[in-house]
């Protein structure tokens, strides 16, 4: 949000106009003290079923985020995009994890805190 409110973004928008900015609503963020040692990231995007209980889904996603940090992730984010009705699971790891489902794996070059 700081970037959107800052002078750099103001300069870009004055030259090129206001872009559409998609954002996620964070349901849960967990981080260990070892977050600076992250070397890998995983991202899973999931469609939220129509008329599903968002409260129930949020609870399960929040529990999973906490459980992943307890199981070795150095950070875990559970978020929701109400524009597209999608959810994201984003995790940071010291070692490459076993992938499941449609998860994407990324190598982390640097973490700034």
PDB file of N, CA and C in Angstrom:
ATOM      1  N   UNK A   1       0.807  -1.170   0.000  1.00  0.00           N
ATOM      2  CA  UNK A   1       0.000   0.000   0.000  1.00  0.00           C
ATOM      3  C   UNK A   1       0.865   1.253   0.000  1.00  0.00           C
ATOM      4  N   UNK A   2       2.025   1.179   0.658  1.00  0.00           N
ATOM      5  CA  UNK A   2       2.915   2.343   0.691  1.00  0.00           C
ATOM      6  C   UNK A   2       3.313   2.757  -0.721  1.00  0.00           C
ATOM      7  N   UNK A   3       3.566   1.783  -1.599  1.00  0.00           N
ATOM      8  CA  UNK A   3       3.940   2.106  -2.978  1.00  0.00           C
ATOM      9  C   UNK A   3       2.829   2.867  -3.680  1.00  0.00           C
ATOM     10  N   UNK A   4       1.583   2.415  -3.522  1.00  0.00           N
ATOM     11  CA  UNK A   4       0.459   3.074  -4.182  1.00  0.00           C
ATOM     12  C   UNK A   4       0.267   4.507  -3.691  1.00  0.00           C
ATOM     13  N   UNK A   5       0.672   4.778  -2.468  1.00  0.00           N
ATOM     14  CA  UNK A   5       0.507   6.109  -1.892  1.00  0.00           C
ATOM     15  C   UNK A   5       1.748   6.984  -2.064  1.00  0.00           C
ATOM     16  N   UNK A   6       2.797   6.425  -2.646  1.00  0.00           N
ATOM     17  CA  UNK A   6       4.065   7.138  -2.716  1.00  0.00           C
ATOM     18  C   UNK A   6       4.282   7.946  -3.989  1.00  0.00           C
ATOM     19  N   UNK A   7       5.348   8.711  -4.009  1.00  0.00           N
ATOM     20  CA  UNK A   7       5.647   9.590  -5.140  1.00  0.00           C
ATOM     21  C   UNK A   7       5.994   8.824  -6.422  1.00  0.00           C
ATOM     22  N   UNK A   8       6.600   7.649  -6.306  1.00  0.00           N
ATOM     23  CA  UNK A   8       6.932   6.862  -7.501  1.00  0.00           C
ATOM     24  C   UNK A   8       5.696   6.464  -8.274  1.00  0.00           C
ATOM     25  N   UNK A   9       4.690   6.000  -7.561  1.00  0.00           N
ATOM     26  CA  UNK A   9       3.440   5.599  -8.211  1.00  0.00           C
ATOM     27  C   UNK A   9       2.713   6.815  -8.772  1.00  0.00           C
ATOM     28  N   UNK A  10       2.758   7.923  -8.059  1.00  0.00           N
ATOM     29  CA  UNK A  10       2.133   9.155  -8.548  1.00  0.00           C
ATOM     30  C   UNK A  10       2.748   9.570  -9.880  1.00  0.00           C
ATOM     31  N   UNK A  11       4.071   9.461 -10.003  1.00  0.00           N
ATOM     32  CA  UNK A  11       4.734   9.802 -11.256  1.00  0.00           C
ATOM     33  C   UNK A  11       4.320   8.897 -12.402  1.00  0.00           C
ATOM     34  N   UNK A  12       4.218   7.607 -12.124  1.00  0.00           N
ATOM     35  CA  UNK A  12       3.795   6.650 -13.154  1.00  0.00           C
ATOM     36  C   UNK A  12       2.367   6.945 -13.597  1.00  0.00           C
ATOM     37  N   UNK A  13       1.471   7.186 -12.642  1.00  0.00           N
ATOM     38  CA  UNK A  13       0.073   7.418 -13.011  1.00  0.00           C
ATOM     39  C   UNK A  13      -0.114   8.744 -13.752  1.00  0.00           C
ATOM     40  N   UNK A  14       0.704   9.728 -13.451  1.00  0.00           N
ATOM     41  CA  UNK A  14       0.610  10.998 -14.180  1.00  0.00           C
ATOM     42  C   UNK A  14       1.026  10.824 -15.638  1.00  0.00           C
ATOM     43  N   UNK A  15       1.961   9.916 -15.878  1.00  0.00           N
ATOM     44  CA  UNK A  15       2.430   9.674 -17.242  1.00  0.00           C
ATOM     45  C   UNK A  15       1.561   8.682 -18.007  1.00  0.00           C
ATOM     46  N   UNK A  16       1.059   7.665 -17.314  1.00  0.00           N
ATOM     47  CA  UNK A  16       0.384   6.563 -18.001  1.00  0.00           C
ATOM     48  C   UNK A  16      -1.075   6.343 -17.590  1.00  0.00           C
ATOM     49  N   UNK A  17      -1.585   7.088 -16.627  1.00  0.00           N
ATOM     50  CA  UNK A  17      -2.960   6.923 -16.169  1.00  0.00           C
ATOM     51  C   UNK A  17      -3.055   5.951 -15.007  1.00  0.00           C
ATOM     52  N   UNK A  18      -4.266   5.850 -14.468  1.00  0.00           N
ATOM     53  CA  UNK A  18      -4.523   4.992 -13.316  1.00  0.00           C
ATOM     54  C   UNK A  18      -4.734   3.557 -13.776  1.00  0.00           C
ATOM     55  N   UNK A  19      -3.919   2.625 -13.302  1.00  0.00           N
ATOM     56  CA  UNK A  19      -4.115   1.226 -13.671  1.00  0.00           C
ATOM     57  C   UNK A  19      -5.122   0.553 -12.739  1.00  0.00           C
ATOM     58  N   UNK A  20      -5.613  -0.584 -13.167  1.00  0.00           N
ATOM     59  CA  UNK A  20      -6.414  -1.416 -12.268  1.00  0.00           C
ATOM     60  C   UNK A  20      -5.430  -2.172 -11.380  1.00  0.00           C
ATOM     61  N   UNK A  21      -5.627  -2.139 -10.077  1.00  0.00           N
ATOM     62  CA  UNK A  21      -4.738  -2.807  -9.141  1.00  0.00           C
ATOM     63  C   UNK A  21      -5.507  -3.919  -8.445  1.00  0.00           C
ATOM     64  N   UNK A  22      -5.085  -5.153  -8.697  1.00  0.00           N
ATOM     65  CA  UNK A  22      -5.702  -6.293  -8.008  1.00  0.00           C
ATOM     66  C   UNK A  22      -4.969  -6.515  -6.699  1.00  0.00           C
ATOM     67  N   UNK A  23      -5.709  -6.835  -5.682  1.00  0.00           N
ATOM     68  CA  UNK A  23      -5.100  -7.051  -4.380  1.00  0.00           C
ATOM     69  C   UNK A  23      -5.770  -8.234  -3.692  1.00  0.00           C
ATOM     70  N   UNK A  24      -5.116  -8.748  -2.703  1.00  0.00           N
ATOM     71  CA  UNK A  24      -5.631  -9.859  -1.906  1.00  0.00           C
ATOM     72  C   UNK A  24      -5.968  -9.362  -0.516  1.00  0.00           C
ATOM     73  N   UNK A  25      -7.007  -9.922   0.072  1.00  0.00           N
ATOM     74  CA  UNK A  25      -7.329  -9.674   1.472  1.00  0.00           C
ATOM     75  C   UNK A  25      -6.654 -10.794   2.258  1.00  0.00           C
ATOM     76  N   UNK A  26      -5.724 -10.429   3.127  1.00  0.00           N
ATOM     77  CA  UNK A  26      -5.023 -11.456   3.914  1.00  0.00           C
ATOM     78  C   UNK A  26      -5.926 -11.947   5.036  1.00  0.00           C
ATOM     79  N   UNK A  27      -6.135 -13.250   5.038  1.00  0.00           N
ATOM     80  CA  UNK A  27      -6.905 -13.871   6.106  1.00  0.00           C
ATOM     81  C   UNK A  27      -6.002 -14.227   7.272  1.00  0.00           C
ATOM     82  N   UNK A  28      -4.783 -14.673   6.962  1.00  0.00           N
ATOM     83  CA  UNK A  28      -3.857 -15.088   8.023  1.00  0.00           C
ATOM     84  C   UNK A  28      -2.440 -14.972   7.509  1.00  0.00           C
ATOM     85  N   UNK A  29      -1.561 -14.425   8.324  1.00  0.00           N
ATOM     86  CA  UNK A  29      -0.142 -14.357   8.012  1.00  0.00           C
ATOM     87  C   UNK A  29       0.609 -14.893   9.221  1.00  0.00           C
ATOM     88  N   UNK A  30       1.437 -15.877   8.980  1.00  0.00           N
ATOM     89  CA  UNK A  30       2.275 -16.463  10.025  1.00  0.00           C
ATOM     90  C   UNK A  30       3.720 -16.369   9.548  1.00  0.00           C
ATOM     91  N   UNK A  31       4.627 -16.025  10.441  1.00  0.00           N
ATOM     92  CA  UNK A  31       6.041 -15.982  10.072  1.00  0.00           C
ATOM     93  C   UNK A  31       6.895 -16.408  11.254  1.00  0.00           C
ATOM     94  N   UNK A  32       7.938 -17.168  10.956  1.00  0.00           N
ATOM     95  CA  UNK A  32       8.870 -17.574  12.002  1.00  0.00           C
ATOM     96  C   UNK A  32      10.014 -16.564  12.057  1.00  0.00           C
ATOM     97  N   UNK A  33      10.825 -16.672  13.062  1.00  0.00           N
ATOM     98  CA  UNK A  33      11.975 -15.771  13.178  1.00  0.00           C
ATOM     99  C   UNK A  33      13.007 -16.047  12.092  1.00  0.00           C
ATOM    100  N   UNK A  34      12.898 -17.184  11.400  1.00  0.00           N
ATOM    101  CA  UNK A  34      13.836 -17.551  10.336  1.00  0.00           C
ATOM    102  C   UNK A  34      13.390 -17.098   8.952  1.00  0.00           C
ATOM    103  N   UNK A  35      12.436 -16.174   8.856  1.00  0.00           N
ATOM    104  CA  UNK A  35      11.898 -15.767   7.559  1.00  0.00           C
ATOM    105  C   UNK A  35      12.999 -15.258   6.616  1.00  0.00           C
ATOM    106  N   UNK A  36      14.025 -14.634   7.147  1.00  0.00           N
ATOM    107  CA  UNK A  36      15.123 -14.135   6.326  1.00  0.00           C
ATOM    108  C   UNK A  36      15.926 -15.228   5.647  1.00  0.00           C
ATOM    109  N   UNK A  37      15.736 -16.481   6.068  1.00  0.00           N
ATOM    110  CA  UNK A  37      16.459 -17.614   5.482  1.00  0.00           C
ATOM    111  C   UNK A  37      15.659 -18.314   4.390  1.00  0.00           C
ATOM    112  N   UNK A  38      14.546 -17.721   3.981  1.00  0.00           N
ATOM    113  CA  UNK A  38      13.711 -18.329   2.931  1.00  0.00           C
ATOM    114  C   UNK A  38      14.502 -18.446   1.631  1.00  0.00           C
ATOM    115  N   UNK A  39      14.446 -19.621   1.032  1.00  0.00           N
ATOM    116  CA  UNK A  39      15.130 -19.862  -0.242  1.00  0.00           C
ATOM    117  C   UNK A  39      14.157 -20.297  -1.331  1.00  0.00           C
ATOM    118  N   UNK A  40      12.960 -20.715  -0.924  1.00  0.00           N
ATOM    119  CA  UNK A  40      11.946 -21.187  -1.876  1.00  0.00           C
ATOM    120  C   UNK A  40      10.586 -20.631  -1.488  1.00  0.00           C
ATOM    121  N   UNK A  41       9.729 -20.479  -2.480  1.00  0.00           N
ATOM    122  CA  UNK A  41       8.354 -20.046  -2.250  1.00  0.00           C
ATOM    123  C   UNK A  41       7.418 -20.965  -3.023  1.00  0.00           C
ATOM    124  N   UNK A  42       6.262 -21.214  -2.453  1.00  0.00           N
ATOM    125  CA  UNK A  42       5.212 -21.932  -3.171  1.00  0.00           C
ATOM    126  C   UNK A  42       3.975 -21.056  -3.214  1.00  0.00           C
ATOM    127  N   UNK A  43       3.224 -21.214  -4.303  1.00  0.00           N
ATOM    128  CA  UNK A  43       1.977 -20.471  -4.462  1.00  0.00           C
ATOM    129  C   UNK A  43       0.934 -21.410  -5.043  1.00  0.00           C
ATOM    130  N   UNK A  44      -0.205 -21.426  -4.391  1.00  0.00           N
ATOM    131  CA  UNK A  44      -1.361 -22.192  -4.883  1.00  0.00           C
ATOM    132  C   UNK A  44      -2.524 -21.230  -5.057  1.00  0.00           C
ATOM    133  N   UNK A  45      -3.147 -21.258  -6.220  1.00  0.00           N
ATOM    134  CA  UNK A  45      -4.350 -20.474  -6.480  1.00  0.00           C
ATOM    135  C   UNK A  45      -5.522 -21.433  -6.587  1.00  0.00           C
ATOM    136  N   UNK A  46      -6.608 -21.123  -5.895  1.00  0.00           N
ATOM    137  CA  UNK A  46      -7.775 -21.998  -5.879  1.00  0.00           C
ATOM    138  C   UNK A  46      -9.038 -21.194  -6.093  1.00  0.00           C
ATOM    139  N   UNK A  47      -9.962 -21.745  -6.846  1.00  0.00           N
ATOM    140  CA  UNK A  47     -11.260 -21.127  -7.044  1.00  0.00           C
ATOM    141  C   UNK A  47     -12.122 -21.392  -5.817  1.00  0.00           C
ATOM    142  N   UNK A  48     -12.855 -20.408  -5.396  1.00  0.00           N
ATOM    143  CA  UNK A  48     -13.778 -20.572  -4.277  1.00  0.00           C
ATOM    144  C   UNK A  48     -15.133 -20.986  -4.844  1.00  0.00           C
ATOM    145  N   UNK A  49     -15.673 -22.103  -4.400  1.00  0.00           N
ATOM    146  CA  UNK A  49     -16.973 -22.556  -4.923  1.00  0.00           C
ATOM    147  C   UNK A  49     -18.076 -21.525  -4.653  1.00  0.00           C
ATOM    148  N   UNK A  50     -18.970 -21.383  -5.618  1.00  0.00           N
ATOM    149  CA  UNK A  50     -20.091 -20.451  -5.467  1.00  0.00           C
ATOM    150  C   UNK A  50     -20.921 -20.798  -4.230  1.00  0.00           C
ATOM    151  N   UNK A  51     -21.297 -19.793  -3.487  1.00  0.00           N
ATOM    152  CA  UNK A  51     -22.157 -19.911  -2.304  1.00  0.00           C
ATOM    153  C   UNK A  51     -21.532 -20.712  -1.171  1.00  0.00           C
ATOM    154  N   UNK A  52     -20.223 -20.937  -1.235  1.00  0.00           N
ATOM    155  CA  UNK A  52     -19.541 -21.633  -0.138  1.00  0.00           C
ATOM    156  C   UNK A  52     -19.479 -20.704   1.071  1.00  0.00           C
ATOM    157  N   UNK A  53     -19.379 -21.278   2.239  1.00  0.00           N
ATOM    158  CA  UNK A  53     -19.257 -20.489   3.462  1.00  0.00           C
ATOM    159  C   UNK A  53     -17.843 -19.921   3.547  1.00  0.00           C
ATOM    160  N   UNK A  54     -17.727 -18.608   3.325  1.00  0.00           N
ATOM    161  CA  UNK A  54     -16.407 -17.981   3.399  1.00  0.00           C
ATOM    162  C   UNK A  54     -15.834 -18.061   4.809  1.00  0.00           C
ATOM    163  N   UNK A  55     -16.679 -18.000   5.804  1.00  0.00           N
ATOM    164  CA  UNK A  55     -16.208 -18.105   7.189  1.00  0.00           C
ATOM    165  C   UNK A  55     -15.561 -19.471   7.427  1.00  0.00           C
ATOM    166  N   UNK A  56     -16.190 -20.535   6.930  1.00  0.00           N
ATOM    167  CA  UNK A  56     -15.625 -21.880   7.091  1.00  0.00           C
ATOM    168  C   UNK A  56     -14.318 -22.023   6.325  1.00  0.00           C
ATOM    169  N   UNK A  57     -14.308 -21.531   5.093  1.00  0.00           N
ATOM    170  CA  UNK A  57     -13.091 -21.617   4.278  1.00  0.00           C
ATOM    171  C   UNK A  57     -11.971 -20.814   4.917  1.00  0.00           C
ATOM    172  N   UNK A  58     -12.293 -19.626   5.398  1.00  0.00           N
ATOM    173  CA  UNK A  58     -11.283 -18.798   6.059  1.00  0.00           C
ATOM    174  C   UNK A  58     -10.701 -19.522   7.272  1.00  0.00           C
ATOM    175  N   UNK A  59     -11.545 -20.161   8.049  1.00  0.00           N
ATOM    176  CA  UNK A  59     -11.071 -20.900   9.218  1.00  0.00           C
ATOM    177  C   UNK A  59     -10.120 -22.021   8.836  1.00  0.00           C
ATOM    178  N   UNK A  60     -10.487 -22.796   7.810  1.00  0.00           N
ATOM    179  CA  UNK A  60      -9.619 -23.904   7.366  1.00  0.00           C
ATOM    180  C   UNK A  60      -8.303 -23.380   6.801  1.00  0.00           C
ATOM    181  N   UNK A  61      -8.383 -22.331   5.976  1.00  0.00           N
ATOM    182  CA  UNK A  61      -7.163 -21.766   5.392  1.00  0.00           C
ATOM    183  C   UNK A  61      -6.254 -21.186   6.475  1.00  0.00           C
ATOM    184  N   UNK A  62      -6.832 -20.544   7.473  1.00  0.00           N
ATOM    185  CA  UNK A  62      -6.052 -19.984   8.581  1.00  0.00           C
ATOM    186  C   UNK A  62      -5.375 -21.091   9.377  1.00  0.00           C
ATOM    187  N   UNK A  63      -6.105 -22.161   9.647  1.00  0.00           N
ATOM    188  CA  UNK A  63      -5.515 -23.298  10.360  1.00  0.00           C
ATOM    189  C   UNK A  63      -4.369 -23.910   9.561  1.00  0.00           C
ATOM    190  N   UNK A  64      -4.562 -24.041   8.234  1.00  0.00           N
ATOM    191  CA  UNK A  64      -3.513 -24.608   7.379  1.00  0.00           C
ATOM    192  C   UNK A  64      -2.274 -23.724   7.369  1.00  0.00           C
ATOM    193  N   UNK A  65      -2.462 -22.408   7.346  1.00  0.00           N
ATOM    194  CA  UNK A  65      -1.326 -21.481   7.347  1.00  0.00           C
ATOM    195  C   UNK A  65      -0.504 -21.646   8.623  1.00  0.00           C
ATOM    196  N   UNK A  66      -1.174 -21.727   9.758  1.00  0.00           N
ATOM    197  CA  UNK A  66      -0.474 -21.913  11.034  1.00  0.00           C
ATOM    198  C   UNK A  66       0.213 -23.276  11.076  1.00  0.00           C
ATOM    199  N   UNK A  67      -0.467 -24.299  10.610  1.00  0.00           N
ATOM    200  CA  UNK A  67       0.085 -25.661  10.607  1.00  0.00           C
ATOM    201  C   UNK A  67       1.333 -25.748   9.726  1.00  0.00           C
ATOM    202  N   UNK A  68       1.329 -25.059   8.576  1.00  0.00           N
ATOM    203  CA  UNK A  68       2.497 -25.111   7.696  1.00  0.00           C
ATOM    204  C   UNK A  68       3.733 -24.504   8.343  1.00  0.00           C
ATOM    205  N   UNK A  69       3.571 -23.432   9.117  1.00  0.00           N
ATOM    206  CA  UNK A  69       4.718 -22.856   9.823  1.00  0.00           C
ATOM    207  C   UNK A  69       5.196 -23.821  10.905  1.00  0.00           C
ATOM    208  N   UNK A  70       4.285 -24.466  11.580  1.00  0.00           N
ATOM    209  CA  UNK A  70       4.663 -25.467  12.577  1.00  0.00           C
ATOM    210  C   UNK A  70       5.391 -26.646  11.940  1.00  0.00           C
ATOM    211  N   UNK A  71       5.120 -26.889  10.641  1.00  0.00           N
ATOM    212  CA  UNK A  71       5.700 -28.032   9.928  1.00  0.00           C
ATOM    213  C   UNK A  71       6.944 -27.685   9.114  1.00  0.00           C
ATOM    214  N   UNK A  72       7.433 -26.449   9.218  1.00  0.00           N
ATOM    215  CA  UNK A  72       8.687 -26.135   8.550  1.00  0.00           C
ATOM    216  C   UNK A  72       8.700 -24.931   7.631  1.00  0.00           C
ATOM    217  N   UNK A  73       7.557 -24.388   7.252  1.00  0.00           N
ATOM    218  CA  UNK A  73       7.568 -23.167   6.449  1.00  0.00           C
ATOM    219  C   UNK A  73       8.082 -22.029   7.324  1.00  0.00           C
ATOM    220  N   UNK A  74       8.807 -21.077   6.737  1.00  0.00           N
ATOM    221  CA  UNK A  74       9.281 -19.936   7.520  1.00  0.00           C
ATOM    222  C   UNK A  74       8.280 -18.786   7.467  1.00  0.00           C
ATOM    223  N   UNK A  75       7.320 -18.868   6.552  1.00  0.00           N
ATOM    224  CA  UNK A  75       6.218 -17.905   6.501  1.00  0.00           C
ATOM    225  C   UNK A  75       5.067 -18.525   5.727  1.00  0.00           C
ATOM    226  N   UNK A  76       3.870 -18.078   6.052  1.00  0.00           N
ATOM    227  CA  UNK A  76       2.679 -18.635   5.435  1.00  0.00           C
ATOM    228  C   UNK A  76       1.604 -17.567   5.364  1.00  0.00           C
ATOM    229  N   UNK A  77       1.009 -17.421   4.176  1.00  0.00           N
ATOM    230  CA  UNK A  77      -0.052 -16.433   3.974  1.00  0.00           C
ATOM    231  C   UNK A  77      -1.262 -17.138   3.373  1.00  0.00           C
ATOM    232  N   UNK A  78      -2.425 -16.888   3.938  1.00  0.00           N
ATOM    233  CA  UNK A  78      -3.696 -17.336   3.369  1.00  0.00           C
ATOM    234  C   UNK A  78      -4.460 -16.071   3.015  1.00  0.00           C
ATOM    235  N   UNK A  79      -4.872 -15.957   1.745  1.00  0.00           N
ATOM    236  CA  UNK A  79      -5.516 -14.727   1.305  1.00  0.00           C
ATOM    237  C   UNK A  79      -6.670 -15.029   0.353  1.00  0.00           C
ATOM    238  N   UNK A  80      -7.489 -13.997   0.122  1.00  0.00           N
ATOM    239  CA  UNK A  80      -8.713 -14.129  -0.663  1.00  0.00           C
ATOM    240  C   UNK A  80      -8.850 -12.940  -1.602  1.00  0.00           C
ATOM    241  N   UNK A  81      -9.226 -13.201  -2.841  1.00  0.00           N
ATOM    242  CA  UNK A  81      -9.472 -12.154  -3.830  1.00  0.00           C
ATOM    243  C   UNK A  81     -10.961 -12.145  -4.152  1.00  0.00           C
ATOM    244  N   UNK A  82     -11.723 -11.196  -3.598  1.00  0.00           N
ATOM    245  CA  UNK A  82     -13.160 -11.176  -3.840  1.00  0.00           C
ATOM    246  C   UNK A  82     -13.531 -10.718  -5.248  1.00  0.00           C
ATOM    247  N   UNK A  83     -12.578 -10.136  -5.982  1.00  0.00           N
ATOM    248  CA  UNK A  83     -12.857  -9.730  -7.360  1.00  0.00           C
ATOM    249  C   UNK A  83     -13.046 -10.947  -8.252  1.00  0.00           C
ATOM    250  N   UNK A  84     -12.175 -11.943  -8.084  1.00  0.00           N
ATOM    251  CA  UNK A  84     -12.223 -13.154  -8.908  1.00  0.00           C
ATOM    252  C   UNK A  84     -12.679 -14.386  -8.130  1.00  0.00           C
ATOM    253  N   UNK A  85     -13.010 -14.234  -6.844  1.00  0.00           N
ATOM    254  CA  UNK A  85     -13.432 -15.336  -5.988  1.00  0.00           C
ATOM    255  C   UNK A  85     -12.401 -16.459  -5.978  1.00  0.00           C
ATOM    256  N   UNK A  86     -11.149 -16.047  -5.777  1.00  0.00           N
ATOM    257  CA  UNK A  86     -10.066 -17.021  -5.683  1.00  0.00           C
ATOM    258  C   UNK A  86      -9.367 -16.874  -4.344  1.00  0.00           C
ATOM    259  N   UNK A  87      -8.669 -17.920  -3.982  1.00  0.00           N
ATOM    260  CA  UNK A  87      -7.866 -17.928  -2.762  1.00  0.00           C
ATOM    261  C   UNK A  87      -6.425 -18.213  -3.152  1.00  0.00           C
ATOM    262  N   UNK A  88      -5.499 -17.767  -2.320  1.00  0.00           N
ATOM    263  CA  UNK A  88      -4.090 -18.050  -2.543  1.00  0.00           C
ATOM    264  C   UNK A  88      -3.479 -18.563  -1.244  1.00  0.00           C
ATOM    265  N   UNK A  89      -2.623 -19.535  -1.403  1.00  0.00           N
ATOM    266  CA  UNK A  89      -1.759 -20.012  -0.315  1.00  0.00           C
ATOM    267  C   UNK A  89      -0.341 -19.706  -0.759  1.00  0.00           C
ATOM    268  N   UNK A  90       0.331 -18.865  -0.003  1.00  0.00           N
ATOM    269  CA  UNK A  90       1.706 -18.495  -0.314  1.00  0.00           C
ATOM    270  C   UNK A  90       2.564 -18.884   0.875  1.00  0.00           C
ATOM    271  N   UNK A  91       3.618 -19.664   0.619  1.00  0.00           N
ATOM    272  CA  UNK A  91       4.493 -20.136   1.688  1.00  0.00           C
ATOM    273  C   UNK A  91       5.946 -19.876   1.322  1.00  0.00           C
ATOM    274  N   UNK A  92       6.755 -19.589   2.313  1.00  0.00           N
ATOM    275  CA  UNK A  92       8.203 -19.471   2.152  1.00  0.00           C
ATOM    276  C   UNK A  92       8.860 -20.610   2.905  1.00  0.00           C
ATOM    277  N   UNK A  93       9.933 -21.173   2.307  1.00  0.00           N
ATOM    278  CA  UNK A  93      10.602 -22.355   2.851  1.00  0.00           C
ATOM    279  C   UNK A  93      12.116 -22.192   2.794  1.00  0.00           C
ATOM    280  N   UNK A  94      12.826 -22.862   3.708  1.00  0.00           N
ATOM    281  CA  UNK A  94      14.287 -22.932   3.644  1.00  0.00           C
ATOM    282  C   UNK A  94      14.725 -23.955   2.598  1.00  0.00           C
ATOM    283  N   UNK A  95      14.027 -25.061   2.527  1.00  0.00           N
ATOM    284  CA  UNK A  95      14.329 -26.147   1.584  1.00  0.00           C
ATOM    285  C   UNK A  95      13.135 -26.332   0.650  1.00  0.00           C
ATOM    286  N   UNK A  96      13.347 -26.837  -0.566  1.00  0.00           N
ATOM    287  CA  UNK A  96      12.201 -27.039  -1.470  1.00  0.00           C
ATOM    288  C   UNK A  96      11.248 -28.091  -0.895  1.00  0.00           C
ATOM    289  N   UNK A  97       9.974 -27.764  -0.770  1.00  0.00           N
ATOM    290  CA  UNK A  97       9.006 -28.702  -0.205  1.00  0.00           C
ATOM    291  C   UNK A  97       8.499 -29.675  -1.274  1.00  0.00           C
ATOM    292  N   UNK A  98       7.889 -30.746  -0.825  1.00  0.00           N
ATOM    293  CA  UNK A  98       7.172 -31.633  -1.740  1.00  0.00           C
ATOM    294  C   UNK A  98       5.934 -30.873  -2.206  1.00  0.00           C
ATOM    295  N   UNK A  99       5.699 -30.871  -3.506  1.00  0.00           N
ATOM    296  CA  UNK A  99       4.555 -30.137  -4.051  1.00  0.00           C
ATOM    297  C   UNK A  99       3.332 -31.030  -4.133  1.00  0.00           C
ATOM    298  N   UNK A 100       2.179 -30.413  -3.937  1.00  0.00           N
ATOM    299  CA  UNK A 100       0.927 -31.144  -4.107  1.00  0.00           C
ATOM    300  C   UNK A 100      -0.038 -30.269  -4.886  1.00  0.00           C
ATOM    301  N   UNK A 101      -0.956 -30.881  -5.579  1.00  0.00           N
ATOM    302  CA  UNK A 101      -1.966 -30.137  -6.331  1.00  0.00           C
ATOM    303  C   UNK A 101      -1.351 -29.278  -7.417  1.00  0.00           C
ATOM    304  N   UNK A 102      -1.845 -28.072  -7.516  1.00  0.00           N
ATOM    305  CA  UNK A 102      -1.419 -27.134  -8.564  1.00  0.00           C
ATOM    306  C   UNK A 102      -0.377 -26.137  -8.057  1.00  0.00           C
ATOM    307  N   UNK A 103       0.339 -26.476  -7.010  1.00  0.00           N
ATOM    308  CA  UNK A 103       1.309 -25.552  -6.420  1.00  0.00           C
ATOM    309  C   UNK A 103       2.442 -25.257  -7.397  1.00  0.00           C
ATOM    310  N   UNK A 104       2.867 -23.998  -7.386  1.00  0.00           N
ATOM    311  CA  UNK A 104       4.010 -23.559  -8.182  1.00  0.00           C
ATOM    312  C   UNK A 104       5.170 -23.315  -7.232  1.00  0.00           C
ATOM    313  N   UNK A 105       6.379 -23.684  -7.659  1.00  0.00           N
ATOM    314  CA  UNK A 105       7.573 -23.518  -6.842  1.00  0.00           C
ATOM    315  C   UNK A 105       8.455 -22.436  -7.453  1.00  0.00           C
ATOM    316  N   UNK A 106       8.959 -21.555  -6.604  1.00  0.00           N
ATOM    317  CA  UNK A 106       9.838 -20.469  -7.032  1.00  0.00           C
ATOM    318  C   UNK A 106      11.096 -20.486  -6.178  1.00  0.00           C
ATOM    319  N   UNK A 107      12.207 -20.089  -6.756  1.00  0.00           N
ATOM    320  CA  UNK A 107      13.446 -19.896  -6.016  1.00  0.00           C
ATOM    321  C   UNK A 107      13.461 -18.450  -5.540  1.00  0.00           C
ATOM    322  N   UNK A 108      13.732 -18.222  -4.272  1.00  0.00           N
ATOM    323  CA  UNK A 108      13.774 -16.879  -3.696  1.00  0.00           C
ATOM    324  C   UNK A 108      15.216 -16.388  -3.743  1.00  0.00           C
ATOM    325  N   UNK A 109      15.432 -15.258  -4.397  1.00  0.00           N
ATOM    326  CA  UNK A 109      16.778 -14.713  -4.502  1.00  0.00           C
ATOM    327  C   UNK A 109      17.164 -13.826  -3.328  1.00  0.00           C
ATOM    328  N   UNK A 110      16.168 -13.151  -2.742  1.00  0.00           N
ATOM    329  CA  UNK A 110      16.454 -12.223  -1.646  1.00  0.00           C
ATOM    330  C   UNK A 110      15.172 -11.949  -0.871  1.00  0.00           C
ATOM    331  N   UNK A 111      15.300 -11.823   0.428  1.00  0.00           N
ATOM    332  CA  UNK A 111      14.168 -11.438   1.280  1.00  0.00           C
ATOM    333  C   UNK A 111      14.560 -10.148   1.996  1.00  0.00           C
ATOM    334  N   UNK A 112      13.772  -9.104   1.817  1.00  0.00           N
ATOM    335  CA  UNK A 112      13.998  -7.840   2.536  1.00  0.00           C
ATOM    336  C   UNK A 112      12.980  -7.738   3.654  1.00  0.00           C
ATOM    337  N   UNK A 113      13.449  -7.417   4.824  1.00  0.00           N
ATOM    338  CA  UNK A 113      12.568  -7.288   5.978  1.00  0.00           C
ATOM    339  C   UNK A 113      12.566  -5.867   6.487  1.00  0.00           C
TER     340      UNK A 113
END
